[in-house]
C-alpha atoms as a PDB file:
ATOM      1  CA  MET A   1      14.710  -7.473 -11.493  1.00  0.00           C
ATOM      2  CA  SER A   2      11.908  -8.118  -9.047  1.00  0.00           C
ATOM      3  CA  GLU A   3       8.053  -8.407  -9.750  1.00  0.00           C
ATOM      4  CA  TYR A   4       7.558  -5.124  -7.830  1.00  0.00           C
ATOM      5  CA  GLU A   5      10.432  -3.313  -9.827  1.00  0.00           C
ATOM      6  CA  GLU A   6       8.849  -4.601 -13.203  1.00  0.00           C
ATOM      7  CA  ALA A   7       5.318  -3.273 -12.067  1.00  0.00           C
ATOM      8  CA  GLU A   8       3.626  -0.230 -13.547  1.00  0.00           C
ATOM      9  CA  VAL A   9       3.571   2.902 -11.340  1.00  0.00           C
ATOM     10  CA  ILE A  10       0.309   3.658  -9.678  1.00  0.00           C
ATOM     11  CA  THR A  11      -1.538   6.767 -10.893  1.00  0.00           C
ATOM     12  CA  GLU A  12      -3.110   9.322  -8.530  1.00  0.00           C
ATOM     13  CA  GLU A  13      -6.689   8.051  -9.304  1.00  0.00           C
ATOM     14  CA  GLU A  14      -5.583   4.508  -8.821  1.00  0.00           C
ATOM     15  CA  MET A  15      -3.885   5.390  -5.438  1.00  0.00           C
ATOM     16  CA  LYS A  16      -7.102   7.046  -4.164  1.00  0.00           C
ATOM     17  CA  LYS A  17      -9.048   3.735  -4.802  1.00  0.00           C
ATOM     18  CA  ALA A  18      -6.266   1.673  -3.439  1.00  0.00           C
ATOM     19  CA  LEU A  19      -6.197   3.547  -0.177  1.00  0.00           C
ATOM     20  CA  ALA A  20      -9.930   2.887   0.233  1.00  0.00           C
ATOM     21  CA  ALA A  21      -9.444  -0.862  -0.309  1.00  0.00           C
ATOM     22  CA  LEU A  22      -6.346  -0.768   1.906  1.00  0.00           C
ATOM     23  CA  PHE A  23      -8.058   0.745   4.917  1.00  0.00           C
ATOM     24  CA  LYS A  24     -11.132  -1.574   4.447  1.00  0.00           C
ATOM     25  CA  ARG A  25      -8.799  -4.651   4.628  1.00  0.00           C
ATOM     26  CA  SER A  26      -6.737  -3.372   7.414  1.00  0.00           C
ATOM     27  CA  GLN A  27      -9.753  -3.313   9.493  1.00  0.00           C
ATOM     28  CA  THR A  28     -10.097  -6.927   9.571  1.00  0.00           C
ATOM     29  CA  ASP A  29      -6.753  -8.414   8.540  1.00  0.00           C
ATOM     30  CA  ALA A  30      -4.287  -7.719  11.236  1.00  0.00           C
ATOM     31  CA  GLU A  31      -1.508  -9.428   9.267  1.00  0.00           C
ATOM     32  CA  PHE A  32      -2.239  -7.002   6.252  1.00  0.00           C
ATOM     33  CA  ARG A  33      -2.308  -4.085   8.821  1.00  0.00           C
ATOM     34  CA  ASP A  34       0.937  -4.821  10.152  1.00  0.00           C
ATOM     35  CA  LEU A  35       2.410  -4.890   6.524  1.00  0.00           C
ATOM     36  CA  CYS A  36       0.918  -1.508   5.890  1.00  0.00           C
ATOM     37  CA  GLN A  37       2.991  -0.174   8.877  1.00  0.00           C
ATOM     38  CA  GLU A  38       6.115  -2.081   8.218  1.00  0.00           C
ATOM     39  CA  ASP A  39       6.110  -1.631   4.293  1.00  0.00           C
ATOM     40  CA  PRO A  40       3.395   0.541   2.843  1.00  0.00           C
ATOM     41  CA  ALA A  41       4.721   0.180  -0.714  1.00  0.00           C
ATOM     42  CA  ALA A  42       4.339  -3.644  -0.439  1.00  0.00           C
ATOM     43  CA  ALA A  43       0.725  -3.293   0.870  1.00  0.00           C
ATOM     44  CA  ILE A  44      -0.119  -1.031  -2.066  1.00  0.00           C
ATOM     45  CA  PHE A  45       1.401  -3.574  -4.357  1.00  0.00           C
ATOM     46  CA  GLU A  46      -0.513  -6.255  -2.836  1.00  0.00           C
ATOM     47  CA  ILE A  47      -3.741  -4.483  -3.382  1.00  0.00           C
ATOM     48  CA  THR A  48      -3.022  -3.181  -6.875  1.00  0.00           C
ATOM     49  CA  GLY A  49      -0.169  -4.991  -8.406  1.00  0.00           C
ATOM     50  CA  LYS A  50       1.467  -1.525  -9.148  1.00  0.00           C
ATOM     51  CA  ARG A  51       4.300   0.195  -7.434  1.00  0.00           C
ATOM     52  CA  LEU A  52       4.712   3.607  -5.862  1.00  0.00           C
ATOM     53  CA  PRO A  53       6.641   6.289  -7.850  1.00  0.00           C
ATOM     54  CA  GLU A  54      10.396   6.742  -7.143  1.00  0.00           C
ATOM     55  CA  GLY A  55      10.803   8.985  -4.057  1.00  0.00           C
ATOM     56  CA  SER A  56       7.409   8.339  -2.742  1.00  0.00           C
ATOM     57  CA  ASN A  57       7.109   8.459   1.076  1.00  0.00           C
ATOM     58  CA  LEU A  58       3.965   6.669   2.429  1.00  0.00           C
ATOM     59  CA  LYS A  59       3.544   5.912   6.117  1.00  0.00           C
ATOM     60  CA  PHE A  60       0.542   4.388   8.028  1.00  0.00           C
ATOM     61  CA  THR A  61       0.153   4.613  11.874  1.00  0.00           C
ATOM     62  CA  GLU A  62      -2.156   3.390  14.554  1.00  0.00           C
ATOM     63  CA  PRO A  63      -4.197   5.935  16.266  1.00  0.00           C
ATOM     64  CA  GLU A  64      -3.197   6.256  19.852  1.00  0.00           C
ATOM     65  CA  ALA A  65      -5.511   5.003  22.383  1.00  0.00           C
END
């Protein structure tokens, strides 16, 4: 079992805080921004050490120019 699979599931309140931290970091870290788009669950895990609930669907997109 992987570290991600063994991690606790993030709560709704933790998710709100994590999204703020995620957006802030993605503004200055292009590699992390790419991770957000390619694997949002991994990005949340990197920020919080917690995993998304089963069946969650999270997607990040870049605004169009």
